[in-house]
Structure formats: structure tokens, C-alpha cells
Protein backbone atom coordinates (compact mmCIF):
# COMPACT_ATOMS: atom_id res chain seq x y z
CA PHE A 1 94.13 177.33 74.60
CA GLU A 2 90.63 178.98 75.48
CA ASP A 3 89.08 177.76 72.21
CA TYR A 4 90.57 174.37 72.56
CA VAL A 5 89.02 173.95 75.83
CA LYS A 6 85.71 175.26 74.89
CA TYR A 7 85.30 172.91 72.15
CA SER A 8 86.69 170.05 74.16
CA ASP A 9 84.02 170.79 76.98
CA MET A 10 81.26 170.90 74.37
CA LEU A 11 82.39 167.60 73.10
CA ILE A 12 82.51 166.03 76.45
CA ASP A 13 79.04 167.22 77.19
CA SER A 14 77.77 165.98 73.80
CA VAL A 15 79.19 162.55 74.44
CA SER A 16 78.00 162.47 78.11
CA LYS A 17 74.50 162.61 77.09
CA LEU A 18 74.63 159.32 75.18
CA ASN A 19 75.48 157.72 78.51
CA PRO A 20 77.80 155.25 76.90
CA ASP A 21 79.39 152.10 78.77
CA TYR A 22 82.88 152.64 77.23
CA ILE A 23 84.42 154.50 74.46
CA ILE A 24 86.65 152.91 71.55
CA PHE A 25 88.88 155.46 70.05
CA ASP A 26 91.66 155.69 67.46
CA SER A 27 95.00 155.87 68.88
CA VAL A 28 95.84 159.21 67.38
CA GLN A 29 92.47 160.85 68.67
CA PHE A 30 93.49 162.44 71.94
CA PHE A 31 90.13 163.57 72.89
CA GLY A 32 88.93 159.87 73.10
CA LYS A 33 90.60 158.64 76.28
CA ARG A 34 90.19 162.28 77.73
CA ILE A 35 86.28 161.91 77.38
CA ALA A 36 86.44 158.47 78.85
CA ARG A 37 88.35 159.55 82.07
CA VAL A 38 85.90 162.60 82.42
CA LEU A 39 82.91 160.13 82.49
CA GLY A 40 84.47 157.50 84.40
CA ILE A 41 84.25 154.76 81.79
CA PRO A 42 86.62 152.31 80.32
CA ALA A 43 88.89 153.61 77.49
CA ILE A 44 89.68 151.07 74.52
CA CYS A 45 92.38 152.15 72.21
CA SER A 46 92.10 150.98 68.56
CA SER A 47 95.69 151.09 67.08
CA SER A 48 95.84 150.82 63.23
CA ALA A 49 99.43 151.92 63.30
CA LEU A 50 102.08 150.27 65.34
CA ALA A 51 101.71 150.93 69.08
CA VAL A 52 104.05 153.45 71.01
CA PRO A 53 105.60 151.67 73.98
CA HIS A 54 105.76 154.82 76.31
CA ARG A 55 108.14 153.08 78.76
CA LYS A 56 110.80 152.34 76.22
CA TYR A 57 111.08 156.04 75.53
CA GLU A 58 110.54 157.52 78.85
CA ASN A 59 114.00 159.01 78.91
CA GLU A 60 114.64 159.39 75.32
CA GLU A 61 111.30 160.47 73.98
CA LEU A 62 112.69 163.57 72.00
CA LYS A 63 115.48 161.60 70.55
CA TYR A 64 112.84 158.87 69.33
CA LEU A 65 110.30 161.42 68.04
CA ILE A 66 112.82 163.32 65.97
CA LYS A 67 114.81 160.56 64.57
CA ASN A 68 112.05 157.90 63.97
CA VAL A 69 108.62 159.36 63.66
CA TYR A 70 108.19 163.13 63.14
CA LEU A 71 111.40 163.82 61.06
CA ALA A 72 109.33 165.59 58.34
CA GLN A 73 107.61 167.82 60.89
CA VAL A 74 110.15 168.59 63.61
CA GLU A 75 113.54 169.72 62.35
CA SER A 76 115.22 170.13 65.81
CA VAL A 77 115.16 169.39 69.63
CA GLN A 78 114.13 172.89 70.10
CA GLU A 79 110.79 172.47 67.99
CA CYS A 80 109.92 169.44 69.67
CA GLU A 81 110.30 170.79 72.99
CA GLN A 82 108.09 173.66 72.01
CA LEU A 83 105.44 170.94 70.91
CA ARG A 84 105.72 169.02 74.37
CA LYS A 85 105.45 172.26 76.20
CA TYR A 86 102.03 173.04 74.23
CA VAL A 87 100.52 169.64 74.86
CA LEU A 88 101.55 169.57 78.72
CA LYS A 89 99.89 172.95 78.94
CA ILE A 90 96.76 171.64 77.78
CA LEU A 91 97.05 168.60 79.95
CA GLU A 92 97.84 170.70 82.85
CA ILE A 93 94.40 172.44 82.38
CA TYR A 94 92.55 169.29 82.21
CA LYS A 95 94.43 167.68 85.31
CA LYS A 96 93.10 170.60 87.44
CA LYS A 97 89.64 170.76 85.73
CA TYR A 98 88.91 166.89 85.71
CA ASN A 99 91.49 165.52 88.00
CA MET A 100 93.23 163.58 85.11
CA TYR A 101 96.72 162.20 85.92
CA ASP A 102 97.35 159.28 83.70
CA PHE A 103 98.27 161.25 80.54
CA ASP A 104 101.81 162.23 79.23
CA TYR A 105 102.73 164.00 76.19
CA LEU A 106 103.52 160.84 74.40
CA ASP A 107 99.97 160.37 74.20
CA ARG A 108 100.11 162.96 71.39
CA TYR A 109 101.61 160.46 69.27
CA GLY A 110 100.04 157.19 70.08
CA MET A 111 97.34 156.81 72.94
CA ALA A 112 97.34 154.01 75.35
CA GLY A 113 93.96 152.97 76.87
CA ASP A 114 92.62 150.60 79.48
CA LEU A 115 92.61 147.91 76.58
CA ASN A 116 94.69 148.35 73.54
CA ILE A 117 93.81 146.76 70.18
CA VAL A 118 96.69 146.55 67.88
CA TYR A 119 96.24 145.12 64.22
CA THR A 120 99.54 143.55 63.89
CA SER A 121 101.26 140.59 65.25
CA LYS A 122 103.79 140.71 68.45
CA GLU A 123 106.47 139.75 66.42
CA PHE A 124 105.89 142.62 63.92
CA GLN A 125 105.52 145.12 66.69
CA PRO A 126 108.87 146.73 67.74
CA TYR A 127 109.85 146.72 71.33
CA SER A 128 106.79 144.44 72.13
CA GLU A 129 108.47 143.56 75.24
CA TYR A 130 107.62 146.83 76.90
CA LEU A 131 103.87 146.26 76.20
CA ASP A 132 101.77 144.60 79.02
CA ASP A 133 98.95 142.30 78.63
CA THR A 134 96.47 145.12 78.05
CA TYR A 135 97.75 144.99 74.68
CA ILE A 136 95.97 142.59 72.23
CA PHE A 137 97.46 141.68 69.03
CA THR A 138 95.04 140.60 66.39
CA GLY A 139 97.06 140.16 63.43
CA CYS A 140 95.76 141.36 60.04
CA LYS A 141 92.97 139.81 57.84
CA PHE A 142 93.28 140.19 53.85
CA SER A 143 91.93 138.26 50.93
CA GLU A 144 92.96 134.55 50.97
CA LYS A 145 92.26 134.25 47.34
CA ILE A 146 95.51 133.23 45.45
CA TYR A 147 96.27 134.90 42.11
CA ASP A 148 99.41 133.05 41.33
CA ILE A 149 100.29 134.18 37.78
CA LYS A 150 103.78 135.56 38.22
CA SER A 151 105.83 135.69 34.94
CA GLU A 152 108.65 133.13 34.93
CA ASN A 153 110.77 135.39 32.78
CA ARG A 154 110.24 138.88 34.47
CA LYS A 155 110.12 140.05 37.98
CA LYS A 156 107.18 142.12 38.60
CA ILE A 157 107.16 145.30 40.72
CA TYR A 158 104.22 147.17 42.14
CA ILE A 159 104.60 150.92 42.62
CA SER A 160 102.27 153.03 44.64
CA LEU A 161 102.51 156.22 46.69
CA GLY A 162 98.97 155.85 48.06
CA SER A 163 96.02 157.98 47.37
CA ILE A 164 97.19 161.25 49.03
CA LEU A 165 100.87 161.66 48.19
CA THR A 166 100.27 161.22 44.36
CA ARG A 167 98.55 164.58 44.56
CA LEU A 168 101.85 166.11 45.34
CA GLN A 169 104.01 167.80 42.57
CA ASP A 170 107.00 165.70 43.96
CA SER A 171 105.36 162.67 43.01
CA ASP A 172 105.99 163.53 39.24
CA ALA A 173 109.66 163.01 39.68
CA PHE A 174 109.15 159.76 41.61
CA PHE A 175 106.94 158.02 38.97
CA PHE A 176 109.48 159.26 35.98
CA ASN A 177 112.37 158.07 37.81
CA CYS A 178 110.74 154.60 38.51
CA LEU A 179 109.90 154.38 34.76
CA SER A 180 113.56 155.38 33.75
CA ALA A 181 115.13 153.07 36.32
CA PHE A 182 113.53 149.90 34.96
CA GLU A 183 113.53 150.66 31.06
CA ASN A 184 116.61 148.27 30.51
CA GLU A 185 115.95 145.71 33.15
CA ASN A 186 114.02 142.51 32.81
CA VAL A 187 111.06 143.47 34.71
CA SER A 188 107.34 144.30 34.50
CA LEU A 189 105.75 147.34 36.27
CA VAL A 190 102.33 147.89 37.62
CA ILE A 191 101.84 151.57 38.61
CA ALA A 192 98.95 152.77 40.84
CA ALA A 193 99.22 156.32 39.50
CA GLY A 194 96.13 158.00 41.20
CA SER A 195 95.71 161.64 40.21
CA LYS A 196 98.86 161.38 38.06
CA TYR A 197 97.12 158.66 35.72
CA GLU A 198 96.52 161.14 32.87
CA LEU A 199 100.43 162.14 33.16
CA LEU A 200 101.62 158.67 32.90
CA LYS A 201 98.89 156.65 30.77
CA SER A 202 100.94 157.17 27.71
CA TYR A 203 103.90 154.97 28.97
CA GLN A 204 101.59 151.93 28.86
CA SER A 205 103.53 149.02 27.00
CA ASP A 206 103.52 145.30 27.07
CA TYR A 207 105.51 145.31 30.52
CA ILE A 208 104.26 148.64 31.90
CA ARG A 209 100.51 148.83 33.25
CA ILE A 210 99.43 152.21 34.47
CA GLU A 211 96.17 152.00 36.78
CA LYS A 212 94.43 154.88 38.03
CA PHE A 213 93.38 152.84 41.24
CA ALA A 214 94.72 149.35 41.48
CA GLU A 215 93.20 146.41 43.24
CA GLN A 216 96.09 146.38 45.57
CA GLU A 217 95.38 143.00 47.69
CA LYS A 218 95.14 141.20 43.97
CA GLU A 219 98.35 142.97 42.61
CA LEU A 220 100.42 142.21 45.79
CA GLN A 221 99.77 138.35 45.30
CA GLN A 222 101.44 138.59 41.91
CA VAL A 223 104.35 140.74 42.45
CA ASP A 224 108.09 140.28 43.64
CA LEU A 225 108.60 143.74 45.05
CA VAL A 226 106.63 146.79 46.25
CA ILE A 227 107.90 150.36 45.94
CA SER A 228 106.11 152.55 48.18
CA HIS A 229 105.89 155.74 50.63
CA GLY A 230 105.68 153.48 53.73
CA GLY A 231 102.10 153.72 54.60
CA ILE A 232 101.39 151.05 57.39
CA ASN A 233 98.52 149.26 55.56
CA THR A 234 100.57 148.88 52.28
CA ILE A 235 103.31 147.36 54.40
CA TYR A 236 100.88 145.14 56.16
CA GLU A 237 99.48 143.81 53.04
CA SER A 238 102.82 143.16 51.47
CA VAL A 239 104.34 141.41 54.12
CA TYR A 240 101.16 139.36 54.58
CA TYR A 241 101.80 138.12 50.96
CA GLY A 242 105.66 137.67 51.59
CA VAL A 243 106.59 140.50 49.30
CA PRO A 244 109.66 142.59 50.19
CA LEU A 245 109.28 146.33 50.04
CA LEU A 246 111.62 149.47 48.95
CA ILE A 247 110.27 152.34 50.83
CA TYR A 248 110.56 156.08 50.24
CA PRO A 249 109.30 157.78 53.30
CA TYR A 250 107.71 161.17 52.83
CA THR A 251 106.02 162.26 56.03
CA SER A 252 105.01 161.28 59.71
CA ASP A 253 105.26 157.53 60.69
CA GLN A 254 106.51 156.52 57.27
CA PHE A 255 110.03 157.13 58.39
CA PHE A 256 109.64 154.94 61.35
CA ASN A 257 108.05 152.31 59.18
CA ALA A 258 110.73 152.37 56.60
CA ASN A 259 113.40 152.08 59.34
CA LEU A 260 111.57 149.16 60.63
CA ILE A 261 111.41 147.37 57.27
CA ALA A 262 115.30 147.92 56.87
CA GLN A 263 115.81 146.74 60.62
CA TYR A 264 113.82 143.71 59.91
CA LYS A 265 115.70 142.97 56.48
CA ILE A 266 112.39 142.50 54.50
CA GLY A 267 113.30 145.57 52.34
CA LYS A 268 115.25 148.88 51.96
CA ARG A 269 114.64 152.60 52.71
CA ILE A 270 115.62 155.05 50.29
CA ASP A 271 115.88 158.78 50.73
CA ASP A 272 117.44 159.51 47.15
CA ILE A 273 114.92 158.96 44.34
CA SER A 274 117.42 159.14 41.71
CA VAL A 275 117.14 156.82 38.81
CA GLU A 276 120.38 154.98 39.80
CA SER A 277 119.27 154.80 43.62
CA ILE A 278 115.98 153.26 42.73
CA ARG A 279 117.38 150.69 40.10
CA LYS A 280 120.30 149.72 42.51
CA SER A 281 118.20 149.25 45.59
CA ALA A 282 115.21 147.58 43.65
CA MET A 283 117.62 145.15 41.92
CA GLN A 284 119.55 144.21 45.06
CA ILE A 285 116.25 143.18 46.60
CA LEU A 286 115.00 141.25 43.54
CA ASN A 287 118.27 139.40 43.23
CA ASP A 288 118.32 138.35 46.67
CA THR A 289 115.77 135.86 47.73
CA SER A 290 116.41 136.33 51.49
CA PHE A 291 114.37 139.55 51.44
CA SER A 292 111.10 137.61 50.39
CA GLU A 293 111.80 134.62 52.59
CA ARG A 294 112.10 136.85 55.58
CA SER A 295 108.96 138.75 54.34
CA LYS A 296 107.06 135.68 54.18
CA ARG A 297 108.18 134.30 57.63
CA LEU A 298 107.12 137.60 59.18
CA GLY A 299 103.92 137.59 57.00
CA ASP A 300 102.86 134.46 58.44
CA THR A 301 102.98 135.77 61.99
CA LEU A 302 100.24 138.44 60.82
CA LYS A 303 97.85 135.50 60.16
CA ILE A 304 96.32 135.15 63.64
CA GLN A 305 93.42 132.81 63.77
CA ASN A 306 90.14 134.59 64.97
CA GLY A 307 92.28 137.64 66.21
CA TYR A 308 89.25 140.17 66.09
CA ALA A 309 86.90 137.95 67.73
CA MET A 310 89.60 137.35 70.53
CA ALA A 311 89.79 141.23 70.74
CA ALA A 312 85.93 141.55 71.05
CA GLU A 313 85.62 139.06 73.74
CA LYS A 314 88.36 140.87 75.67
CA ILE A 315 86.09 144.01 75.57
CA ILE A 316 83.10 142.29 76.48
CA LYS A 317 84.85 140.73 79.71
CA MET A 318 86.26 144.07 80.68
CA ILE A 319 82.90 145.75 80.57
CA GLN A 320 81.28 142.78 82.36
CA ASP A 321 84.10 142.81 85.15
CA LYS A 322 83.56 146.58 85.22
CA LYS A 323 79.80 146.35 85.95
């Protein structure tokens, strides 16, 4: 704790010398709001992930965190309780030292500022009814160029584990099982292989394209299904273009994201990546057009006109009112 407090104090001192009017910080950067409170300036939270509605989980936060968010990192209520006590101990130090009282340990997983910018739509944000008017939903902004060259004879599937998870040994089995799952199906595959490119490139064929790094926005405008780890950016891009998803969550918020996809019925979550599990779930989505129809409807809500400009205006007005 001593080292943590020492380096935090150094950071607070460094920022205070800049004499900022306000601080914009990422929702998982716990120190951003803390520094703003020490300096007595507005704290503006930028949430690239979904917002955490604290009021919703006031009495069930342990259950929520274990079941929906940190399933890969926290195996039991006891472990989660230990983490909670650790964070609360740090908060207690700062409460006494800087008279801070508007923090709770759920801030460890998703901060809330005086103003909160969330890059999604209110319709996509779960439990949005628990979020007040300090939350501004900007929607998403992706390429509007249309690449509509889908094959009439074959459904097209885009497969990606993102740039980090492809480095894991486990991803070998995932990619090989995906290749096996569709070898007798009337589909074509695009695989963003990342660090596994050399391992997979020999599988290229008329209906299998292996890319080291794919132009994801372009690919997503041409496919009928995305198979992914459930990173929020890939989910936003897929839904923006009306593409359903099959999610294999691996860590952190990916479990929550996968559950949300299933809840909205715009795809499915799988935890078993056997050949049969992948084939069965993927073909169910491809053969049921309601998945893509719901994805398109939800994707349309993300296309908020001038959402970012609206957020900027809110920030400017807040600072002017403060002065």
C-alpha cells in the first residue's frame, strides 16, 4: 500500500503542475477521477466499454462481478471479497488524506465521473434506466462505404480472436476446430489469424482466406456471421453493420458481452469450442434470419447523428458553468 500511495502522490503532484481545468479519463483508469477530486476540478469519464450502473448492483455487486464480468479472474465469492477489501483499504487512505467520499469499490471496474461519455446507444447499454442524465450516449462511428459483394451461393463467416488472444497457445485449437467445423458446409471463411498466420496459411483455398491482419470494417460489410472472442469493439462493428455473432469469451468483460449478445438474441455464446459445438451454433445462426434482422435493428440505434459533437458541447457547457 505504501508504494501505491507514494506513486499516486507523485502523479497527483505532476498533474497539478499542469493546472488543468478538467480531466478526461478512461473508465478503467481509477486514478483519473481521484486526481480530479484532489485538484477540485470536473472529472469526465470516457467509457469505451459499456457503463457500469452502480445503483443496479448496490446490493448484488459480488454476484454480478463473479457471474458476468470477471468470471475468468475471480473463481469464488471469497476471492472477490478479498479484492473488494483491498480496494476499499486504498480508498480509506485517500478518504482520510484528501477528504474523498464519492468513491466505491465498483469504481475499480467502471468509473463514473461528473459527466460520462459512453460510445454506444441507450438501446444497447444494459440497464440504461439506472443511468442518470450525466451519461451521454454518442453511438459509434465506422466507415459508411458499402462493400456489398456477398456470394449468393455461400454464406460468409469472419473469424477473429483480436490481436492479443491469437498469441495464446489455446487459440491454435480454436482456429483448427473452426476450419474443421465448416469443411463440409456451403460457406466461405475469412480468418484474421494474427500471430497464427504462418501456422494457418497453408489452409488457403477457393473458399478459405487467411489474413494476418484483416481490414475488419471492410470484411464485416460482406459477411453473414462473425465468430469472435467478444471484444466490445468487434461487437460494435458487427452490430453496426447488422451482422450476428457467435462469441467464445476468454477473459474479463468478454463474458458479460457474450451474455448480452445472447440476451439481445443477436447471436450466441459458446464455451465449448469443439468442432460440433462451433458447427451447430454457427449454422443455427446462419439458417435463422431473425438473428441478422435483430442485429440490424440494434445496429441502427448506434448510428447517432453528431453524437461526438453533442458530447463535446456538453463538456464545454459544463466547464463554462463551473467557471
